Amino acid sequence: MKKSISTVYSFIQMKTGTMAENKRDKMILVRNLPIAVKIFVQHHFPNRRITFAETKNTSKGMIYVVTLNDGIKAEFNENGGWEKVDCKMGAVPASLIPAKIEAFMHEFHPCTPIVKIEKAEKGYEVTLSNYFTQKFDNLEHVA
């Protein structure tokens, strides 16, 4: 009987958000973002603005997640360095794509824009508008 009451209590806590607070994901004001995040957005997305910002705890530590007014999402590490940019169906700005990746994509996937780029542990991972995903190992080899 005590076990079933404990289970019900845990379920109620989960539904009401008491346990969800332990994740420490929270919305933050744009003015509280690291300056590096704001500069990144101004430089690479000059005609867009941040409409939503939050922090999340991950296995790699805290990250900042921002959403721009056109739906683009970007993730940053706790120092404000970018980790992932997802432009949905729009092209990732060329200024974010390393030259070797750009050359490879131009040769093997011409006219197919990169819509998502993510820094991986040992390189980069890009996703094209046709949902094809390609990994690059430290910009030297295609993984």
Foldseek 3Di string as FASTA:
>chain_A
DVVVVVVVVVVVCVVVCVVVCVQVKDWDDPVPAPPLQVVVCCVQPVPKDWDTWIWTQDPVGIKIWTAIPVGWIWIAPPNNHTFKTAQPQDARRPVPDDPLVVVVCCVPPNPWGWRMWGADPQFIWTATNVRDIWTDGNSPDTD
